[in-house]
N, C-alpha and C. Protein backbone atom coordinates (compact mmCIF):
# COMPACT_ATOMS: atom_id res chain seq x y z
N MET A 1 0.83 -1.20 0.00
CA MET A 1 0.00 0.00 0.00
C MET A 1 0.86 1.24 0.00
N ARG A 2 1.95 1.20 0.77
CA ARG A 2 2.85 2.34 0.87
C ARG A 2 3.39 2.72 -0.51
N SER A 3 3.75 1.71 -1.31
CA SER A 3 4.30 1.97 -2.63
C SER A 3 3.26 2.59 -3.54
N VAL A 4 2.04 2.10 -3.46
CA VAL A 4 0.97 2.61 -4.31
C VAL A 4 0.70 4.07 -4.00
N ILE A 5 0.65 4.42 -2.70
CA ILE A 5 0.38 5.80 -2.31
C ILE A 5 1.51 6.71 -2.80
N SER A 6 2.76 6.26 -2.66
CA SER A 6 3.90 7.06 -3.07
C SER A 6 3.89 7.28 -4.57
N VAL A 7 3.55 6.23 -5.32
CA VAL A 7 3.51 6.33 -6.76
C VAL A 7 2.45 7.33 -7.19
N SER A 8 1.29 7.25 -6.59
CA SER A 8 0.20 8.15 -6.96
C SER A 8 0.57 9.60 -6.69
N ALA A 9 1.25 9.82 -5.58
CA ALA A 9 1.61 11.18 -5.21
C ALA A 9 2.64 11.75 -6.18
N VAL A 10 3.59 10.91 -6.60
CA VAL A 10 4.67 11.40 -7.47
C VAL A 10 4.17 11.63 -8.88
N VAL A 11 3.36 10.70 -9.38
CA VAL A 11 2.86 10.82 -10.74
C VAL A 11 2.03 12.08 -10.90
N ALA A 12 1.39 12.50 -9.84
CA ALA A 12 0.56 13.69 -9.90
C ALA A 12 1.38 14.95 -10.08
N VAL A 13 2.67 14.87 -9.76
CA VAL A 13 3.54 16.03 -9.88
C VAL A 13 4.33 15.92 -11.18
N ALA A 14 4.15 16.87 -12.04
CA ALA A 14 4.87 16.85 -13.32
C ALA A 14 6.30 17.32 -13.09
N ALA A 15 7.22 16.54 -13.62
CA ALA A 15 8.64 16.89 -13.46
C ALA A 15 9.03 17.92 -14.50
N ALA A 16 9.86 18.84 -14.08
CA ALA A 16 10.34 19.87 -14.99
C ALA A 16 11.34 19.26 -15.97
N ALA A 17 11.43 19.86 -17.15
CA ALA A 17 12.32 19.33 -18.19
C ALA A 17 13.76 19.80 -17.99
N GLY A 18 14.68 18.98 -18.48
CA GLY A 18 16.09 19.35 -18.46
C GLY A 18 16.69 19.51 -17.09
N GLN A 19 16.42 18.57 -16.19
CA GLN A 19 16.92 18.68 -14.81
C GLN A 19 18.36 18.18 -14.63
N CYS A 20 18.85 17.42 -15.56
CA CYS A 20 20.19 16.84 -15.41
C CYS A 20 21.25 17.69 -16.11
N THR A 21 22.32 17.93 -15.40
CA THR A 21 23.42 18.74 -15.93
C THR A 21 24.38 17.86 -16.75
N GLN A 22 25.34 18.54 -17.35
CA GLN A 22 26.36 17.79 -18.10
C GLN A 22 27.16 16.89 -17.17
N ALA A 23 27.38 17.38 -15.95
CA ALA A 23 28.13 16.57 -14.97
C ALA A 23 27.34 15.32 -14.60
N ASP A 24 25.99 15.46 -14.48
CA ASP A 24 25.15 14.29 -14.20
C ASP A 24 25.26 13.27 -15.34
N HIS A 25 25.17 13.80 -16.55
CA HIS A 25 25.24 12.94 -17.73
C HIS A 25 26.59 12.22 -17.81
N ASP A 26 27.66 12.96 -17.55
CA ASP A 26 28.99 12.34 -17.59
C ASP A 26 29.13 11.26 -16.52
N LEU A 27 28.47 11.49 -15.37
CA LEU A 27 28.54 10.53 -14.28
C LEU A 27 27.95 9.19 -14.68
N TRP A 28 26.70 9.20 -15.17
CA TRP A 28 26.09 7.91 -15.49
C TRP A 28 26.72 7.27 -16.74
N MET A 29 27.19 8.11 -17.65
CA MET A 29 27.85 7.54 -18.83
C MET A 29 29.17 6.87 -18.46
N SER A 30 29.84 7.41 -17.45
CA SER A 30 31.12 6.84 -17.04
C SER A 30 30.95 5.46 -16.40
N TYR A 31 29.79 5.25 -15.75
CA TYR A 31 29.55 3.95 -15.12
C TYR A 31 28.91 2.95 -16.07
N GLY A 32 28.24 3.44 -17.10
CA GLY A 32 27.62 2.55 -18.09
C GLY A 32 26.56 1.65 -17.49
N GLN A 33 26.68 0.35 -17.75
CA GLN A 33 25.69 -0.63 -17.29
C GLN A 33 25.55 -0.63 -15.78
N ALA A 34 26.64 -0.36 -15.08
CA ALA A 34 26.59 -0.36 -13.61
C ALA A 34 25.60 0.68 -13.09
N PHE A 35 25.48 1.81 -13.80
CA PHE A 35 24.54 2.84 -13.34
C PHE A 35 23.10 2.41 -13.59
N GLY A 36 22.85 1.74 -14.72
CA GLY A 36 21.50 1.22 -14.99
C GLY A 36 21.08 0.22 -13.92
N ASN A 37 22.01 -0.64 -13.52
CA ASN A 37 21.71 -1.62 -12.46
C ASN A 37 21.52 -0.92 -11.11
N PHE A 38 22.22 0.20 -10.93
CA PHE A 38 22.11 0.97 -9.69
C PHE A 38 20.72 1.61 -9.55
N VAL A 39 20.19 2.12 -10.66
CA VAL A 39 18.83 2.69 -10.64
C VAL A 39 17.82 1.60 -10.30
N GLY A 40 17.99 0.42 -10.91
CA GLY A 40 17.09 -0.69 -10.59
C GLY A 40 17.19 -1.10 -9.13
N TYR A 41 18.41 -1.06 -8.61
CA TYR A 41 18.63 -1.42 -7.20
C TYR A 41 17.92 -0.43 -6.27
N CYS A 42 18.05 0.86 -6.53
CA CYS A 42 17.41 1.87 -5.69
C CYS A 42 15.89 1.76 -5.75
N GLY A 43 15.36 1.46 -6.95
CA GLY A 43 13.91 1.29 -7.07
C GLY A 43 13.43 0.08 -6.29
N LEU A 44 14.25 -0.99 -6.27
CA LEU A 44 13.87 -2.21 -5.57
C LEU A 44 13.88 -2.03 -4.06
N VAL A 45 14.97 -1.45 -3.54
CA VAL A 45 15.08 -1.31 -2.08
C VAL A 45 14.14 -0.25 -1.52
N SER A 46 13.67 0.65 -2.38
CA SER A 46 12.74 1.69 -1.92
C SER A 46 11.29 1.32 -2.23
N PHE A 47 11.07 0.08 -2.72
CA PHE A 47 9.72 -0.42 -3.03
C PHE A 47 8.99 0.47 -4.04
N GLY A 48 9.74 0.99 -5.01
CA GLY A 48 9.12 1.78 -6.06
C GLY A 48 8.78 3.19 -5.66
N SER A 49 9.25 3.63 -4.50
CA SER A 49 8.95 4.99 -4.05
C SER A 49 9.82 5.99 -4.80
N ALA A 50 9.21 7.05 -5.29
CA ALA A 50 9.96 8.08 -6.01
C ALA A 50 10.95 8.79 -5.09
N SER A 51 10.49 9.17 -3.91
CA SER A 51 11.36 9.89 -2.98
C SER A 51 12.47 8.97 -2.45
N GLY A 52 12.10 7.69 -2.18
CA GLY A 52 13.09 6.74 -1.68
C GLY A 52 14.16 6.45 -2.74
N THR A 53 13.71 6.33 -3.98
CA THR A 53 14.66 6.08 -5.07
C THR A 53 15.59 7.28 -5.26
N THR A 54 15.01 8.47 -5.16
CA THR A 54 15.81 9.70 -5.31
C THR A 54 16.89 9.79 -4.24
N LYS A 55 16.48 9.51 -3.01
CA LYS A 55 17.43 9.57 -1.89
C LYS A 55 18.54 8.53 -2.06
N CYS A 56 18.16 7.34 -2.51
CA CYS A 56 19.13 6.26 -2.73
C CYS A 56 20.14 6.65 -3.81
N LEU A 57 19.65 7.28 -4.87
CA LEU A 57 20.53 7.66 -5.97
C LEU A 57 21.53 8.74 -5.57
N VAL A 58 21.06 9.71 -4.82
CA VAL A 58 21.95 10.80 -4.39
C VAL A 58 22.98 10.28 -3.39
N GLY A 59 22.49 9.48 -2.42
CA GLY A 59 23.39 8.95 -1.40
C GLY A 59 24.38 7.95 -1.97
N GLY A 60 23.91 7.15 -2.92
CA GLY A 60 24.78 6.12 -3.50
C GLY A 60 25.90 6.69 -4.36
N THR A 61 25.73 7.93 -4.80
CA THR A 61 26.79 8.57 -5.60
C THR A 61 27.56 9.59 -4.76
N ASP A 62 27.31 9.59 -3.45
CA ASP A 62 27.96 10.55 -2.55
C ASP A 62 27.71 11.99 -2.99
N GLY A 63 26.48 12.21 -3.46
CA GLY A 63 26.08 13.56 -3.85
C GLY A 63 26.55 13.97 -5.24
N ALA A 64 27.20 13.05 -5.96
CA ALA A 64 27.69 13.40 -7.30
C ALA A 64 26.53 13.61 -8.27
N LEU A 65 25.44 12.86 -8.06
CA LEU A 65 24.25 13.05 -8.89
C LEU A 65 23.39 14.12 -8.24
N SER A 66 23.04 15.13 -9.02
CA SER A 66 22.27 16.25 -8.46
C SER A 66 20.88 15.80 -8.03
N GLU A 67 20.32 16.53 -7.08
CA GLU A 67 19.00 16.20 -6.54
C GLU A 67 17.94 16.24 -7.63
N GLY A 68 17.94 17.30 -8.43
CA GLY A 68 16.93 17.44 -9.48
C GLY A 68 16.99 16.31 -10.49
N CYS A 69 18.20 15.90 -10.84
CA CYS A 69 18.36 14.81 -11.82
C CYS A 69 17.91 13.48 -11.20
N ALA A 70 18.25 13.26 -9.94
CA ALA A 70 17.86 12.03 -9.25
C ALA A 70 16.34 11.91 -9.17
N GLN A 71 15.65 13.05 -9.04
CA GLN A 71 14.19 13.04 -8.97
C GLN A 71 13.57 12.54 -10.28
N CYS A 72 14.23 12.84 -11.40
CA CYS A 72 13.73 12.36 -12.69
C CYS A 72 13.71 10.83 -12.71
N PHE A 73 14.80 10.21 -12.24
CA PHE A 73 14.87 8.76 -12.20
C PHE A 73 13.90 8.18 -11.17
N GLY A 74 13.76 8.89 -10.04
CA GLY A 74 12.82 8.43 -9.01
C GLY A 74 11.40 8.44 -9.54
N THR A 75 11.04 9.49 -10.28
CA THR A 75 9.70 9.59 -10.85
C THR A 75 9.46 8.49 -11.89
N SER A 76 10.49 8.17 -12.66
CA SER A 76 10.37 7.14 -13.68
C SER A 76 10.16 5.76 -13.05
N VAL A 77 10.88 5.50 -11.94
CA VAL A 77 10.70 4.23 -11.22
C VAL A 77 9.27 4.12 -10.70
N ALA A 78 8.77 5.21 -10.14
CA ALA A 78 7.40 5.21 -9.61
C ALA A 78 6.38 5.00 -10.73
N CYS A 79 6.66 5.59 -11.90
CA CYS A 79 5.77 5.43 -13.05
C CYS A 79 5.70 3.96 -13.47
N GLY A 80 6.85 3.32 -13.51
CA GLY A 80 6.89 1.90 -13.88
C GLY A 80 6.15 1.05 -12.87
N GLY A 81 6.29 1.39 -11.58
CA GLY A 81 5.59 0.64 -10.53
C GLY A 81 4.09 0.78 -10.64
N GLN A 82 3.64 1.95 -11.06
CA GLN A 82 2.19 2.19 -11.17
C GLN A 82 1.58 1.41 -12.33
N HIS A 83 2.27 1.38 -13.46
CA HIS A 83 1.71 0.75 -14.64
C HIS A 83 2.04 -0.73 -14.77
N CYS A 84 3.12 -1.14 -14.18
CA CYS A 84 3.58 -2.52 -14.39
C CYS A 84 3.91 -3.23 -13.07
N MET A 85 3.12 -2.98 -12.06
CA MET A 85 3.42 -3.55 -10.74
C MET A 85 3.50 -5.08 -10.79
N MET A 86 2.54 -5.71 -11.40
CA MET A 86 2.49 -7.16 -11.42
C MET A 86 3.64 -7.74 -12.25
N GLN A 87 3.91 -7.11 -13.37
CA GLN A 87 4.98 -7.62 -14.24
C GLN A 87 6.37 -7.43 -13.62
N CYS A 88 6.46 -6.45 -12.71
CA CYS A 88 7.77 -6.15 -12.11
C CYS A 88 7.98 -6.81 -10.75
N LEU A 89 7.08 -7.71 -10.37
CA LEU A 89 7.24 -8.40 -9.09
C LEU A 89 8.52 -9.25 -9.08
N ALA A 90 8.90 -9.74 -10.24
CA ALA A 90 10.11 -10.56 -10.33
C ALA A 90 11.38 -9.72 -10.31
N GLY A 91 11.20 -8.41 -10.31
CA GLY A 91 12.36 -7.52 -10.27
C GLY A 91 12.38 -6.56 -11.45
N PRO A 92 13.00 -5.40 -11.28
CA PRO A 92 13.01 -4.39 -12.34
C PRO A 92 13.84 -4.80 -13.57
N ALA A 93 14.67 -5.82 -13.41
CA ALA A 93 15.50 -6.24 -14.54
C ALA A 93 14.89 -7.41 -15.30
N SER A 94 13.72 -7.88 -14.86
CA SER A 94 13.10 -9.02 -15.54
C SER A 94 12.59 -8.61 -16.92
N ALA A 95 12.53 -9.56 -17.82
CA ALA A 95 12.11 -9.27 -19.19
C ALA A 95 10.68 -8.76 -19.24
N LYS A 96 9.79 -9.34 -18.42
CA LYS A 96 8.39 -8.91 -18.42
C LYS A 96 8.25 -7.47 -17.93
N CYS A 97 9.03 -7.12 -16.91
CA CYS A 97 8.97 -5.77 -16.37
C CYS A 97 9.45 -4.75 -17.41
N LEU A 98 10.58 -5.03 -18.02
CA LEU A 98 11.14 -4.09 -19.00
C LEU A 98 10.24 -3.96 -20.23
N GLU A 99 9.63 -5.08 -20.63
CA GLU A 99 8.73 -5.04 -21.78
C GLU A 99 7.50 -4.20 -21.48
N CYS A 100 6.98 -4.36 -20.28
CA CYS A 100 5.79 -3.60 -19.89
C CYS A 100 6.09 -2.10 -19.80
N VAL A 101 7.20 -1.77 -19.14
CA VAL A 101 7.57 -0.35 -18.99
C VAL A 101 7.82 0.29 -20.35
N GLY A 102 8.37 -0.50 -21.30
CA GLY A 102 8.64 0.03 -22.63
C GLY A 102 7.39 0.42 -23.40
N LYS A 103 6.24 -0.09 -22.97
CA LYS A 103 4.99 0.23 -23.64
C LYS A 103 4.28 1.43 -23.02
N THR A 104 4.84 1.97 -21.97
CA THR A 104 4.22 3.11 -21.28
C THR A 104 4.91 4.41 -21.69
N ASP A 105 4.46 5.49 -21.09
CA ASP A 105 5.09 6.80 -21.33
C ASP A 105 6.19 7.10 -20.32
N CYS A 106 6.53 6.10 -19.49
CA CYS A 106 7.52 6.35 -18.44
C CYS A 106 8.89 6.76 -19.00
N ASN A 107 9.34 6.04 -20.01
CA ASN A 107 10.66 6.37 -20.58
C ASN A 107 10.67 7.71 -21.31
N PRO A 108 9.70 8.00 -22.19
CA PRO A 108 9.69 9.32 -22.85
C PRO A 108 9.64 10.47 -21.84
N GLU A 109 8.91 10.28 -20.75
CA GLU A 109 8.84 11.33 -19.72
C GLU A 109 10.20 11.49 -19.02
N LEU A 110 10.92 10.36 -18.87
CA LEU A 110 12.24 10.41 -18.26
C LEU A 110 13.21 11.19 -19.16
N TYR A 111 13.12 10.95 -20.46
CA TYR A 111 13.99 11.66 -21.40
C TYR A 111 13.74 13.17 -21.35
N GLN A 112 12.46 13.51 -21.27
CA GLN A 112 12.10 14.93 -21.22
C GLN A 112 12.58 15.57 -19.93
N CYS A 113 12.44 14.85 -18.83
CA CYS A 113 12.83 15.39 -17.53
C CYS A 113 14.35 15.59 -17.44
N THR A 114 15.09 14.62 -17.92
CA THR A 114 16.56 14.72 -17.83
C THR A 114 17.14 15.67 -18.87
N GLY A 115 16.46 15.77 -20.00
CA GLY A 115 16.98 16.61 -21.09
C GLY A 115 17.89 15.83 -22.04
N TYR A 116 17.89 14.51 -21.91
CA TYR A 116 18.73 13.67 -22.77
C TYR A 116 17.89 12.59 -23.43
N GLY A 117 18.23 12.29 -24.69
CA GLY A 117 17.49 11.29 -25.44
C GLY A 117 17.84 9.87 -25.02
N ALA A 118 17.14 8.92 -25.66
CA ALA A 118 17.29 7.50 -25.31
C ALA A 118 18.74 7.02 -25.45
N SER A 119 19.43 7.48 -26.50
CA SER A 119 20.80 7.01 -26.73
C SER A 119 21.79 7.56 -25.70
N GLN A 120 21.37 8.59 -24.96
CA GLN A 120 22.25 9.21 -23.97
C GLN A 120 21.91 8.79 -22.53
N MET A 121 20.96 7.89 -22.40
CA MET A 121 20.52 7.47 -21.07
C MET A 121 21.25 6.21 -20.61
N PRO A 122 21.22 5.92 -19.31
CA PRO A 122 21.82 4.66 -18.83
C PRO A 122 21.09 3.48 -19.45
N PRO A 123 21.76 2.38 -19.70
CA PRO A 123 21.10 1.20 -20.28
C PRO A 123 20.12 0.58 -19.29
N PRO A 124 19.10 -0.12 -19.79
CA PRO A 124 18.16 -0.80 -18.89
C PRO A 124 18.91 -1.77 -17.98
N PRO A 125 18.40 -1.99 -16.77
CA PRO A 125 19.11 -2.87 -15.83
C PRO A 125 19.14 -4.32 -16.30
N THR A 126 20.27 -4.96 -16.05
CA THR A 126 20.39 -6.39 -16.31
C THR A 126 20.44 -7.13 -14.97
N GLY A 127 20.38 -6.37 -13.91
CA GLY A 127 20.43 -6.89 -12.55
C GLY A 127 20.28 -5.72 -11.60
N THR A 128 20.41 -5.96 -10.32
CA THR A 128 20.31 -4.87 -9.33
C THR A 128 21.52 -4.94 -8.41
N ALA A 129 22.22 -3.80 -8.27
CA ALA A 129 23.41 -3.76 -7.42
C ALA A 129 23.74 -2.31 -7.10
N PRO A 130 24.30 -2.05 -5.91
CA PRO A 130 24.72 -0.69 -5.57
C PRO A 130 25.81 -0.23 -6.53
N LEU A 131 25.97 1.05 -6.61
CA LEU A 131 27.01 1.59 -7.48
C LEU A 131 28.38 1.25 -6.91
N PRO A 132 29.28 0.74 -7.73
CA PRO A 132 30.63 0.40 -7.22
C PRO A 132 31.29 1.63 -6.61
N LYS A 133 31.87 1.44 -5.46
CA LYS A 133 32.53 2.56 -4.78
C LYS A 133 33.94 2.74 -5.34
N THR A 134 34.23 3.93 -5.74
CA THR A 134 35.57 4.27 -6.21
C THR A 134 35.97 5.58 -5.56
N THR A 135 37.25 5.87 -5.55
CA THR A 135 37.71 7.13 -4.96
C THR A 135 37.20 8.31 -5.76
N GLN A 136 36.97 8.09 -7.03
CA GLN A 136 36.39 9.11 -7.88
C GLN A 136 35.66 8.43 -9.03
N ALA A 137 34.74 9.16 -9.61
CA ALA A 137 34.00 8.58 -10.72
C ALA A 137 34.95 8.29 -11.86
N PRO A 138 34.71 7.19 -12.56
CA PRO A 138 35.58 6.86 -13.69
C PRO A 138 35.62 8.00 -14.69
N THR A 139 36.77 8.20 -15.26
CA THR A 139 36.94 9.27 -16.24
C THR A 139 36.22 8.90 -17.52
N THR A 140 35.44 9.85 -18.01
CA THR A 140 34.73 9.62 -19.26
C THR A 140 35.66 9.96 -20.41
N THR A 141 35.88 9.00 -21.24
CA THR A 141 36.74 9.21 -22.40
C THR A 141 35.87 9.33 -23.63
N THR A 142 35.93 10.49 -24.25
CA THR A 142 35.16 10.71 -25.46
C THR A 142 36.07 10.42 -26.64
N LEU A 143 35.67 9.44 -27.41
CA LEU A 143 36.47 9.06 -28.56
C LEU A 143 35.95 9.78 -29.79
N ALA A 144 36.74 10.67 -30.29
CA ALA A 144 36.37 11.38 -31.51
C ALA A 144 37.04 10.67 -32.68
N THR A 145 36.23 10.27 -33.61
CA THR A 145 36.77 9.57 -34.76
C THR A 145 37.15 10.59 -35.82
N THR A 146 38.41 10.75 -36.03
CA THR A 146 38.91 11.68 -37.03
C THR A 146 39.47 10.88 -38.18
N THR A 147 38.88 11.09 -39.33
CA THR A 147 39.35 10.38 -40.51
C THR A 147 40.30 11.29 -41.27
N THR A 148 41.53 10.94 -41.25
CA THR A 148 42.54 11.72 -41.96
C THR A 148 42.93 10.98 -43.22
N ILE A 149 42.66 11.61 -44.33
CA ILE A 149 43.02 10.99 -45.60
C ILE A 149 44.39 11.50 -45.98
N ALA A 150 45.32 10.64 -45.87
CA ALA A 150 46.69 11.02 -46.19
C ALA A 150 46.84 11.07 -47.70
N PRO A 151 47.56 12.08 -48.20
CA PRO A 151 47.76 12.13 -49.66
C PRO A 151 48.47 10.87 -50.13
N THR A 152 47.99 10.43 -51.27
CA THR A 152 48.58 9.20 -51.81
C THR A 152 49.95 9.52 -52.39
N THR A 153 50.92 8.92 -51.86
CA THR A 153 52.28 9.13 -52.35
C THR A 153 52.67 7.94 -53.19
N THR A 154 52.90 8.23 -54.46
CA THR A 154 53.33 7.16 -55.35
C THR A 154 54.84 7.11 -55.33
N THR A 155 55.34 6.08 -54.81
CA THR A 155 56.79 5.93 -54.72
C THR A 155 57.26 5.05 -55.85
N THR A 156 58.02 5.65 -56.73
CA THR A 156 58.58 4.89 -57.85
C THR A 156 59.96 4.42 -57.44
N THR A 157 60.07 3.16 -57.33
CA THR A 157 61.36 2.59 -56.93
C THR A 157 62.11 2.18 -58.19
N ILE A 158 63.19 2.87 -58.44
CA ILE A 158 64.01 2.54 -59.60
C ILE A 158 65.14 1.66 -59.12
N THR A 159 65.11 0.45 -59.56
CA THR A 159 66.15 -0.48 -59.15
C THR A 159 67.22 -0.49 -60.23
N THR A 160 68.36 -0.01 -59.89
CA THR A 160 69.47 0.01 -60.83
C THR A 160 70.32 -1.21 -60.59
N THR A 161 70.32 -2.07 -61.57
CA THR A 161 71.13 -3.28 -61.45
C THR A 161 72.46 -3.01 -62.12
N THR A 162 73.47 -2.96 -61.35
CA THR A 162 74.80 -2.71 -61.89
C THR A 162 75.44 -4.04 -62.23
N MET A 163 75.58 -4.23 -63.53
CA MET A 163 76.21 -5.47 -63.97
C MET A 163 77.69 -5.36 -63.71
N PRO A 164 78.27 -6.41 -63.26
CA PRO A 164 79.71 -6.34 -62.99
C PRO A 164 80.47 -5.99 -64.26
N THR A 165 81.23 -4.93 -64.18
CA THR A 165 81.98 -4.46 -65.35
C THR A 165 83.30 -5.18 -65.41
N THR A 166 83.48 -5.87 -66.50
CA THR A 166 84.76 -6.57 -66.70
C THR A 166 85.66 -5.63 -67.47
N THR A 167 86.62 -5.11 -66.82
CA THR A 167 87.55 -4.18 -67.47
C THR A 167 88.69 -4.97 -68.07
N THR A 168 88.72 -4.95 -69.37
CA THR A 168 89.81 -5.66 -70.06
C THR A 168 90.86 -4.63 -70.41
N THR A 169 91.94 -4.71 -69.75
CA THR A 169 93.02 -3.76 -70.02
C THR A 169 93.90 -4.37 -71.10
N THR A 170 93.79 -3.77 -72.25
CA THR A 170 94.60 -4.27 -73.36
C THR A 170 95.91 -3.52 -73.36
N THR A 171 96.90 -4.22 -72.98
CA THR A 171 98.22 -3.59 -72.98
C THR A 171 98.69 -3.55 -74.42
N PRO A 172 98.88 -2.35 -74.93
CA PRO A 172 99.30 -2.30 -76.34
C PRO A 172 100.56 -3.12 -76.54
N THR A 173 100.42 -4.02 -77.49
CA THR A 173 101.57 -4.88 -77.77
C THR A 173 102.51 -4.13 -78.70
N THR A 174 103.59 -3.80 -78.19
CA THR A 174 104.58 -3.10 -79.04
C THR A 174 105.45 -4.16 -79.68
N SER A 175 105.17 -4.26 -80.94
CA SER A 175 105.99 -5.24 -81.65
C SER A 175 107.35 -4.60 -81.87
N THR A 176 108.19 -4.98 -81.05
CA THR A 176 109.54 -4.43 -81.18
C THR A 176 110.28 -5.25 -82.21
N THR A 177 110.40 -4.61 -83.33
CA THR A 177 111.14 -5.31 -84.38
C THR A 177 112.58 -4.90 -84.24
N THR A 178 113.27 -5.76 -83.70
CA THR A 178 114.69 -5.46 -83.52
C THR A 178 115.41 -5.86 -84.80
N THR A 179 115.75 -4.84 -85.48
CA THR A 179 116.45 -5.13 -86.74
C THR A 179 117.92 -5.26 -86.40
N VAL A 180 118.22 -6.42 -86.36
CA VAL A 180 119.65 -6.68 -86.10
C VAL A 180 120.34 -6.60 -87.44
N GLN A 181 121.06 -5.55 -87.56
CA GLN A 181 121.74 -5.37 -88.84
C GLN A 181 122.93 -6.30 -88.87
N THR A 182 122.62 -7.30 -89.56
CA THR A 182 123.70 -8.28 -89.67
C THR A 182 124.59 -7.86 -90.81
N THR A 183 125.68 -7.48 -90.42
CA THR A 183 126.63 -7.09 -91.48
C THR A 183 127.28 -8.35 -91.98
N ALA A 184 126.69 -8.68 -93.09
CA ALA A 184 127.27 -9.88 -93.68
C ALA A 184 128.60 -9.50 -94.27
N SER A 185 129.52 -9.85 -93.56
CA SER A 185 130.87 -9.54 -94.07
C SER A 185 131.13 -10.42 -95.26
N ALA A 186 130.88 -9.76 -96.37
CA ALA A 186 131.17 -10.53 -97.59
C ALA A 186 132.65 -10.45 -97.82
N THR A 187 133.20 -11.30 -97.22
CA THR A 187 134.66 -11.35 -97.40
C THR A 187 134.95 -12.11 -98.67
N SER A 188 135.24 -11.26 -99.59
CA SER A 188 135.54 -11.91 -100.87
C SER A 188 136.94 -12.46 -100.78
N SER A 189 136.83 -13.59 -100.46
CA SER A 189 138.14 -14.26 -100.42
C SER A 189 138.48 -14.65 -101.84
N SER A 190 139.32 -13.91 -102.32
CA SER A 190 139.72 -14.27 -103.67
C SER A 190 140.62 -15.47 -103.56
N ILE A 191 139.88 -16.44 -103.48
CA ILE A 191 140.65 -17.67 -103.45
C ILE A 191 140.97 -18.00 -104.89
N PRO A 192 142.20 -17.89 -105.13
CA PRO A 192 142.54 -18.17 -106.52
C PRO A 192 142.12 -19.55 -106.83
N SER A 193 141.20 -19.44 -107.74
CA SER A 193 140.73 -20.71 -108.19
C SER A 193 141.68 -21.16 -109.25
N THR A 194 142.46 -21.91 -108.75
CA THR A 194 143.42 -22.39 -109.72
C THR A 194 142.76 -23.52 -110.42
N ALA A 195 142.00 -23.02 -111.38
CA ALA A 195 141.41 -24.06 -112.16
C ALA A 195 142.47 -24.50 -113.12
N SER A 196 142.88 -25.53 -112.87
CA SER A 196 143.94 -26.05 -113.75
C SER A 196 143.33 -26.30 -115.07
N ALA A 197 143.50 -25.28 -115.90
CA ALA A 197 143.00 -25.48 -117.23
C ALA A 197 143.94 -26.41 -117.92
N ALA A 198 143.53 -27.50 -117.90
CA ALA A 198 144.39 -28.52 -118.51
C ALA A 198 144.23 -28.45 -119.99
N THR A 199 145.21 -27.91 -120.57
CA THR A 199 145.17 -27.82 -122.02
C THR A 199 145.76 -29.09 -122.58
N THR A 200 144.87 -29.71 -123.15
CA THR A 200 145.33 -30.98 -123.73
C THR A 200 145.65 -30.73 -125.18
N THR A 201 146.82 -30.77 -125.35
CA THR A 201 147.25 -30.60 -126.77
C THR A 201 147.30 -31.94 -127.42
N GLU A 202 146.26 -31.99 -128.22
CA GLU A 202 146.22 -33.27 -128.89
C GLU A 202 147.05 -33.17 -130.14
N PRO A 203 147.85 -34.07 -130.34
CA PRO A 203 148.69 -34.04 -131.53
C PRO A 203 147.85 -34.15 -132.76
N VAL A 204 148.00 -33.18 -133.56
CA VAL A 204 147.24 -33.17 -134.81
C VAL A 204 148.01 -33.99 -135.81
N ALA A 205 147.36 -34.89 -136.27
CA ALA A 205 148.03 -35.76 -137.24
C ALA A 205 147.93 -35.15 -138.59
N THR A 206 149.00 -34.73 -139.04
CA THR A 206 149.03 -34.10 -140.37
C THR A 206 149.44 -35.16 -141.36
N THR A 207 148.47 -35.35 -142.19
CA THR A 207 148.74 -36.36 -143.21
C THR A 207 149.12 -35.67 -144.49
N THR A 208 150.22 -35.87 -144.76
CA THR A 208 150.67 -35.28 -146.01
C THR A 208 150.60 -36.31 -147.07
N GLU A 209 149.64 -35.99 -147.92
CA GLU A 209 149.48 -36.96 -148.97
C GLU A 209 150.39 -36.56 -150.10
N PRO A 210 151.01 -37.49 -150.54
CA PRO A 210 151.91 -37.22 -151.64
C PRO A 210 151.16 -36.85 -152.86
N VAL A 211 151.54 -35.76 -153.38
CA VAL A 211 150.87 -35.27 -154.57
C VAL A 211 151.58 -35.90 -155.74
N ALA A 212 150.76 -36.49 -156.53
CA ALA A 212 151.31 -37.15 -157.69
C ALA A 212 151.40 -36.18 -158.82
N THR A 213 152.50 -35.90 -159.10
CA THR A 213 152.69 -34.96 -160.18
C THR A 213 153.00 -35.72 -161.42
N THR A 214 152.04 -35.46 -162.35
CA THR A 214 152.17 -36.15 -163.60
C THR A 214 152.69 -35.19 -164.59
N THR A 215 153.82 -35.52 -165.16
CA THR A 215 154.39 -34.68 -166.15
C THR A 215 154.21 -35.31 -167.45
N GLU A 216 153.35 -34.57 -168.21
CA GLU A 216 153.10 -35.06 -169.51
C GLU A 216 154.24 -34.68 -170.40
N PRO A 217 154.50 -35.61 -171.06
CA PRO A 217 155.58 -35.36 -171.95
C PRO A 217 155.16 -34.50 -173.03
């Protein structure tokens, strides 16, 4: 009964739009799924009470989540309890509960109250658990995708193949013609050729024929 009365009282009060600051947004985005489970946890332990959920959210973050922003989530929890009480008996993370809440105006009203769209909100709970205690909230890293198109550099690689150079050193052949002047000593040896001219005196046979002198008388 207590939960029903609390829900009725909260739903009757319209939440102002844009209650969550950038710091609030960065906080839940830094925790991701853990923050969605934390909202479910606060709604469970407070029996769907808007004020109880709000107090749990502020205290669980050590005041990091602003009061006004926490009230938006508290009101949304109460809205879900009012419209989907039976479906959410198994817990705020059950499939039936989430399906039922998705068919109501609870989520659109939450987006309007926080000032952030569906893609910027904590994910639906997959379980219920207190927010992990850390010395400080995790740092939110915003990844900006910068596409840098580097100029296409055409590198022409000229491969110079140096063939081994065979250097043939031709030593000029100097044909040294050594003219040895052979002085042929023509020693005319007048060797008296004593050619013994053998004069053969052949005896000439002189035949004296007697002349017959005929004296005619």
